[in-house]
Amino acid sequence: MAVREILLLGHPGLYTRCTPVRQSEVGVLQALVQDLHDTMMDFRRRYQAGRAIAAPQINAMKRVVYMHIDQPVVFFNPILEDKSAETMGLWDDCMSFPDLLVKVSRHHSCRIVYRDQTWEEQSMDLKGDLAELLQHE
């Protein structure tokens, strides 16, 4: 569909609470999912980085995360659960501040519960890098 502008750190849209996705919106949101894909792939081409992107980063205030590592995964209304007491410190970057690293602490493991593109409830148990990535988003 389109490569969209990524909002940069400080933009008020990045601090706006997103609205949940309703089942009736899933079909309409396929264009947004394609824009997330196109935007992330363009970022990846330019910066050699980028594994996931959240809808607010392209000024779409819906609870949608798009991740593409080995294959694309779309998370509608993701919720993090069962966050471990054990944490890890790391230097984090973001598409919204591409030339800046920030020291953060993340849970070593957690579970993400979400709806997929067919509106089925799914969950993933996450550890290490994948846990860090989805906590970031």
Protein backbone atom coordinates (compact mmCIF):
# COMPACT_ATOMS: atom_id res chain seq x y z
CA MET A 1 0.00 0.00 0.00
CA ALA A 2 2.23 2.83 1.26
CA VAL A 3 5.34 3.75 3.15
CA ARG A 4 4.11 6.08 5.87
CA GLU A 5 5.99 8.72 7.82
CA ILE A 6 7.30 7.44 11.16
CA LEU A 7 6.52 9.80 14.02
CA LEU A 8 9.63 10.92 15.84
CA LEU A 9 10.29 11.07 19.57
CA GLY A 10 8.40 13.99 21.09
CA HIS A 11 5.42 13.83 18.71
CA PRO A 12 2.19 13.93 20.78
CA GLY A 13 0.76 10.98 18.84
CA LEU A 14 3.34 8.68 20.45
CA TYR A 15 1.85 9.49 23.86
CA THR A 16 -1.79 9.00 22.85
CA ARG A 17 -3.69 6.03 24.26
CA CYS A 18 -4.70 3.78 21.37
CA THR A 19 -8.18 2.41 20.89
CA PRO A 20 -8.71 -1.36 20.86
CA VAL A 21 -9.41 -3.12 17.59
CA ARG A 22 -12.99 -4.40 17.25
CA GLN A 23 -13.71 -7.60 15.37
CA SER A 24 -15.74 -5.65 12.81
CA GLU A 25 -12.61 -3.61 11.92
CA VAL A 26 -10.32 -6.52 11.05
CA GLY A 27 -11.01 -6.40 7.30
CA VAL A 28 -10.64 -2.63 7.08
CA LEU A 29 -7.37 -2.76 9.04
CA GLN A 30 -5.67 -4.95 6.43
CA ALA A 31 -4.62 -1.73 4.65
CA LEU A 32 -3.04 -0.53 7.92
CA VAL A 33 -1.24 -3.87 8.32
CA GLN A 34 0.16 -3.52 4.78
CA ASP A 35 1.28 0.06 5.54
CA LEU A 36 3.03 -1.18 8.70
CA HIS A 37 4.79 -3.85 6.62
CA ASP A 38 5.80 -1.43 3.86
CA THR A 39 7.00 1.21 6.32
CA MET A 40 9.04 -1.26 8.36
CA MET A 41 10.63 -2.80 5.26
CA ASP A 42 11.56 0.66 3.99
CA PHE A 43 13.11 1.47 7.40
CA ARG A 44 14.94 -1.86 7.36
CA ARG A 45 16.33 -1.11 3.90
CA ARG A 46 17.57 2.33 4.98
CA TYR A 47 18.89 1.49 8.48
CA GLN A 48 19.52 -2.30 8.36
CA ALA A 49 17.34 -2.61 11.46
CA GLY A 50 13.69 -3.10 12.31
CA ARG A 51 11.88 -6.20 13.52
CA ALA A 52 8.52 -4.77 14.59
CA ILE A 53 6.46 -1.60 14.42
CA ALA A 54 3.39 -0.38 16.30
CA ALA A 55 0.51 1.44 14.61
CA PRO A 56 0.95 4.69 16.61
CA GLN A 57 4.41 5.08 15.07
CA ILE A 58 2.69 5.81 11.74
CA ASN A 59 -0.02 7.93 13.40
CA ALA A 60 -2.69 5.20 13.44
CA MET A 61 -4.06 5.14 16.98
CA LYS A 62 -5.14 1.48 17.09
CA ARG A 63 -3.75 -1.34 19.24
CA VAL A 64 -1.91 -3.09 16.41
CA VAL A 65 1.68 -4.37 16.29
CA TYR A 66 3.29 -5.82 13.18
CA MET A 67 6.36 -8.04 13.59
CA HIS A 68 8.42 -9.62 10.84
CA ILE A 69 11.35 -11.81 11.81
CA ASP A 70 11.06 -15.15 10.00
CA GLN A 71 7.47 -14.53 8.99
CA PRO A 72 4.93 -11.76 9.55
CA VAL A 73 2.81 -11.77 12.70
CA VAL A 74 0.04 -9.28 13.42
CA PHE A 75 -1.02 -8.62 17.01
CA PHE A 76 -4.43 -7.04 17.55
CA ASN A 77 -5.02 -5.82 21.12
CA PRO A 78 -1.84 -7.34 22.58
CA ILE A 79 -1.61 -7.77 26.35
CA LEU A 80 1.55 -8.72 28.23
CA GLU A 81 1.04 -11.22 31.05
CA ASP A 82 3.16 -13.36 33.38
CA LYS A 83 6.09 -10.93 33.34
CA SER A 84 9.10 -12.48 35.06
CA ALA A 85 10.63 -10.93 38.16
CA GLU A 86 13.99 -11.42 36.47
CA THR A 87 14.93 -8.46 34.29
CA MET A 88 17.66 -7.66 31.81
CA GLY A 89 19.33 -4.37 31.01
CA LEU A 90 20.05 -3.44 27.43
CA TRP A 91 20.61 -0.61 25.01
CA ASP A 92 17.39 -0.05 23.08
CA ASP A 93 16.75 1.75 19.83
CA CYS A 94 13.52 2.63 18.07
CA MET A 95 12.26 3.64 14.65
CA SER A 96 10.97 6.81 16.31
CA PHE A 97 14.53 7.76 17.36
CA PRO A 98 16.72 5.91 14.84
CA ASP A 99 20.07 7.43 15.80
CA LEU A 100 19.74 7.19 19.58
CA LEU A 101 20.29 4.34 22.04
CA VAL A 102 18.66 4.33 25.48
CA LYS A 103 19.53 2.07 28.43
CA VAL A 104 16.37 0.23 29.56
CA SER A 105 15.33 -2.67 31.74
CA ARG A 106 12.95 -5.33 30.45
CA HIS A 107 11.45 -8.51 31.88
CA HIS A 108 13.45 -11.56 30.82
CA SER A 109 10.28 -13.45 29.92
CA CYS A 110 6.56 -12.83 29.54
CA ARG A 111 3.50 -14.00 27.64
CA ILE A 112 1.67 -12.00 25.01
CA VAL A 113 -2.04 -12.64 24.47
CA TYR A 114 -3.60 -11.17 21.34
CA ARG A 115 -6.08 -11.61 18.51
CA ASP A 116 -4.73 -12.66 15.12
CA GLN A 117 -5.95 -11.58 11.68
CA THR A 118 -8.76 -14.16 11.79
CA TRP A 119 -9.79 -12.84 15.24
CA GLU A 120 -8.69 -16.02 16.98
CA GLU A 121 -7.19 -15.55 20.42
CA GLN A 122 -3.52 -16.51 20.45
CA SER A 123 -0.68 -16.44 22.95
CA MET A 124 3.09 -16.71 22.79
CA ASP A 125 5.54 -17.36 25.58
CA LEU A 126 8.47 -15.03 25.04
CA LYS A 127 12.04 -15.10 26.31
CA GLY A 128 15.16 -13.02 25.77
CA ASP A 129 15.29 -10.97 22.57
CA LEU A 130 11.70 -11.69 21.57
CA ALA A 131 10.41 -10.75 25.04
CA GLU A 132 12.41 -7.53 24.87
CA LEU A 133 11.11 -6.69 21.40
CA LEU A 134 7.43 -7.08 22.18
CA GLN A 135 7.73 -5.26 25.52
CA HIS A 136 9.26 -2.39 23.53
CA GLU A 137 6.35 -2.30 21.09
